[in-house]
Amino acid sequence: MSLFTAKAGPSGASIGSTAGGLLLEKFGRLFDRYLLRAHPPARLKASEAADLLGFHEDDMTILVRQKLIEPLGEPAHNAVKYFALVDVEELGRVRDGLSVATNSIYERNRGKSGEGCSHEVSDYRVGSN
């Protein structure tokens, strides 16, 4: 059982029934899944990487397209993509990287970043030291 799972409050209502409680439950699942492991997985699926970074799974496509993070190996276009934990952690730790990633998502959601867009959002790249 997680440290963050919903518990019944004094009135008998579940704490997890509120918006804040749902967020707490999601954090609890992430905490249990990744942070309590003795050895977290070195390879993450797109959904797992997105959870750790605070993005939606669909946003990972945009981050890969902008070359902010690279999948492991050379996967086919329609293959399941895996990401290195060290790359995900680095992107999540560097404020500039998160800012560029977030702006890429904003730009895409505004409809300004089309399929044929050839400009680069930034020079920030994970692992480009």
Protein backbone atom coordinates (compact mmCIF):
# COMPACT_ATOMS: atom_id res chain seq x y z
CA MET A 1 0.00 0.00 0.00
CA SER A 2 1.27 3.45 -0.91
CA LEU A 3 2.02 6.24 1.48
CA PHE A 4 -0.24 8.34 -0.75
CA THR A 5 -3.30 6.14 -1.32
CA ALA A 6 -6.70 7.61 -0.57
CA LYS A 7 -8.02 7.05 2.94
CA ALA A 8 -11.42 7.73 4.39
CA GLY A 9 -11.64 11.09 6.10
CA PRO A 10 -13.39 11.76 9.42
CA SER A 11 -16.75 12.22 7.68
CA GLY A 12 -16.33 8.87 5.92
CA ALA A 13 -15.81 10.51 2.54
CA SER A 14 -12.86 9.30 0.53
CA ILE A 15 -10.05 11.82 0.23
CA GLY A 16 -9.48 10.48 -3.29
CA SER A 17 -12.89 11.74 -4.42
CA THR A 18 -11.65 15.32 -4.78
CA ALA A 19 -9.51 16.67 -7.61
CA GLY A 20 -6.60 17.09 -5.20
CA GLY A 21 -7.12 13.55 -3.97
CA LEU A 22 -6.98 12.20 -7.51
CA LEU A 23 -3.72 14.03 -8.10
CA LEU A 24 -2.39 12.62 -4.83
CA GLU A 25 -3.41 9.11 -5.89
CA LYS A 26 -1.62 9.49 -9.24
CA PHE A 27 1.49 10.76 -7.45
CA GLY A 28 1.24 7.81 -5.07
CA ARG A 29 1.13 5.34 -7.97
CA LEU A 30 4.17 7.02 -9.57
CA PHE A 31 5.97 7.06 -6.22
CA ASP A 32 5.31 3.36 -5.70
CA ARG A 33 6.14 2.41 -9.26
CA TYR A 34 9.42 4.27 -9.68
CA LEU A 35 10.82 5.78 -6.52
CA LEU A 36 10.38 2.89 -4.09
CA ARG A 37 12.13 0.41 -6.36
CA ALA A 38 15.60 -0.61 -5.29
CA HIS A 39 16.62 -0.56 -8.96
CA PRO A 40 14.33 1.41 -11.25
CA PRO A 41 14.19 0.13 -14.83
CA ALA A 42 16.89 1.53 -17.11
CA ARG A 43 14.52 1.40 -20.09
CA LEU A 44 11.13 3.12 -19.96
CA LYS A 45 8.14 2.97 -22.29
CA ALA A 46 6.89 6.30 -23.64
CA SER A 47 4.01 6.28 -21.15
CA GLU A 48 6.39 5.76 -18.22
CA ALA A 49 8.81 8.45 -19.42
CA ALA A 50 5.89 10.85 -19.91
CA ASP A 51 4.63 10.15 -16.38
CA LEU A 52 8.02 10.90 -14.87
CA LEU A 53 8.37 14.12 -16.88
CA GLY A 54 4.81 15.27 -16.19
CA PHE A 55 3.67 15.11 -19.82
CA HIS A 56 1.02 13.09 -21.61
CA GLU A 57 2.14 10.00 -23.50
CA ASP A 58 1.16 11.64 -26.80
CA ASP A 59 3.50 14.57 -26.02
CA MET A 60 6.52 12.26 -26.23
CA THR A 61 6.11 12.18 -30.02
CA ILE A 62 6.55 15.96 -30.09
CA LEU A 63 9.61 15.82 -27.84
CA VAL A 64 11.19 13.18 -30.08
CA ARG A 65 10.32 15.14 -33.23
CA GLN A 66 11.97 18.25 -31.72
CA LYS A 67 14.99 16.08 -30.79
CA LEU A 68 14.70 16.96 -27.11
CA ILE A 69 14.89 13.25 -26.23
CA GLU A 70 15.79 10.25 -28.33
CA PRO A 71 14.34 6.75 -28.18
CA LEU A 72 16.73 3.86 -27.65
CA GLY A 73 17.99 2.07 -30.72
CA GLU A 74 16.56 2.80 -34.14
CA PRO A 75 12.87 1.89 -33.81
CA ALA A 76 10.57 1.78 -36.82
CA HIS A 77 8.07 4.61 -37.09
CA ASN A 78 5.23 2.41 -35.79
CA ALA A 79 7.29 0.50 -33.18
CA VAL A 80 6.99 0.84 -29.42
CA LYS A 81 9.55 3.43 -28.32
CA TYR A 82 11.72 3.00 -25.25
CA PHE A 83 13.71 5.73 -23.53
CA ALA A 84 16.78 5.57 -21.28
CA LEU A 85 16.04 6.44 -17.67
CA VAL A 86 19.20 8.57 -17.55
CA ASP A 87 17.96 10.70 -20.48
CA VAL A 88 14.52 11.12 -18.90
CA GLU A 89 16.08 12.08 -15.56
CA GLU A 90 18.41 14.57 -17.25
CA LEU A 91 15.57 16.25 -19.15
CA GLY A 92 13.52 16.37 -15.95
CA ARG A 93 16.38 17.83 -13.91
CA VAL A 94 17.39 20.64 -16.25
CA ARG A 95 15.04 23.61 -16.06
CA ASP A 96 15.97 24.88 -19.52
CA GLY A 97 15.23 21.48 -21.02
CA LEU A 98 11.82 21.28 -19.36
CA SER A 99 11.04 24.82 -20.43
CA VAL A 100 11.92 24.08 -24.06
CA ALA A 101 9.92 20.83 -23.94
CA THR A 102 6.90 22.61 -22.46
CA ASN A 103 7.11 25.38 -25.05
CA SER A 104 7.23 22.74 -27.80
CA ILE A 105 3.99 21.27 -26.48
CA TYR A 106 2.40 24.73 -26.22
CA GLU A 107 3.47 25.58 -29.75
CA ARG A 108 2.11 22.32 -31.11
CA ASN A 109 -1.18 22.80 -29.27
CA ARG A 110 -1.54 26.31 -30.68
CA GLY A 111 -1.27 24.85 -34.17
CA LYS A 112 1.85 26.87 -35.04
CA SER A 113 4.09 23.83 -35.40
CA GLY A 114 3.00 22.00 -38.54
CA GLU A 115 4.28 18.78 -40.03
CA GLY A 116 6.45 20.67 -42.52
CA CYS A 117 7.96 23.01 -39.93
CA SER A 118 11.73 22.91 -40.30
CA HIS A 119 12.84 25.37 -37.63
CA GLU A 120 14.42 24.17 -34.41
CA VAL A 121 12.80 25.18 -31.12
CA SER A 122 16.11 25.33 -29.29
CA ASP A 123 19.64 24.04 -29.24
CA TYR A 124 18.97 22.10 -26.02
CA ARG A 125 19.44 18.36 -26.46
CA VAL A 126 19.52 15.64 -23.82
CA GLY A 127 22.97 14.11 -23.66
CA SER A 128 24.60 16.73 -25.86
CA ASN A 129 27.33 17.72 -23.43
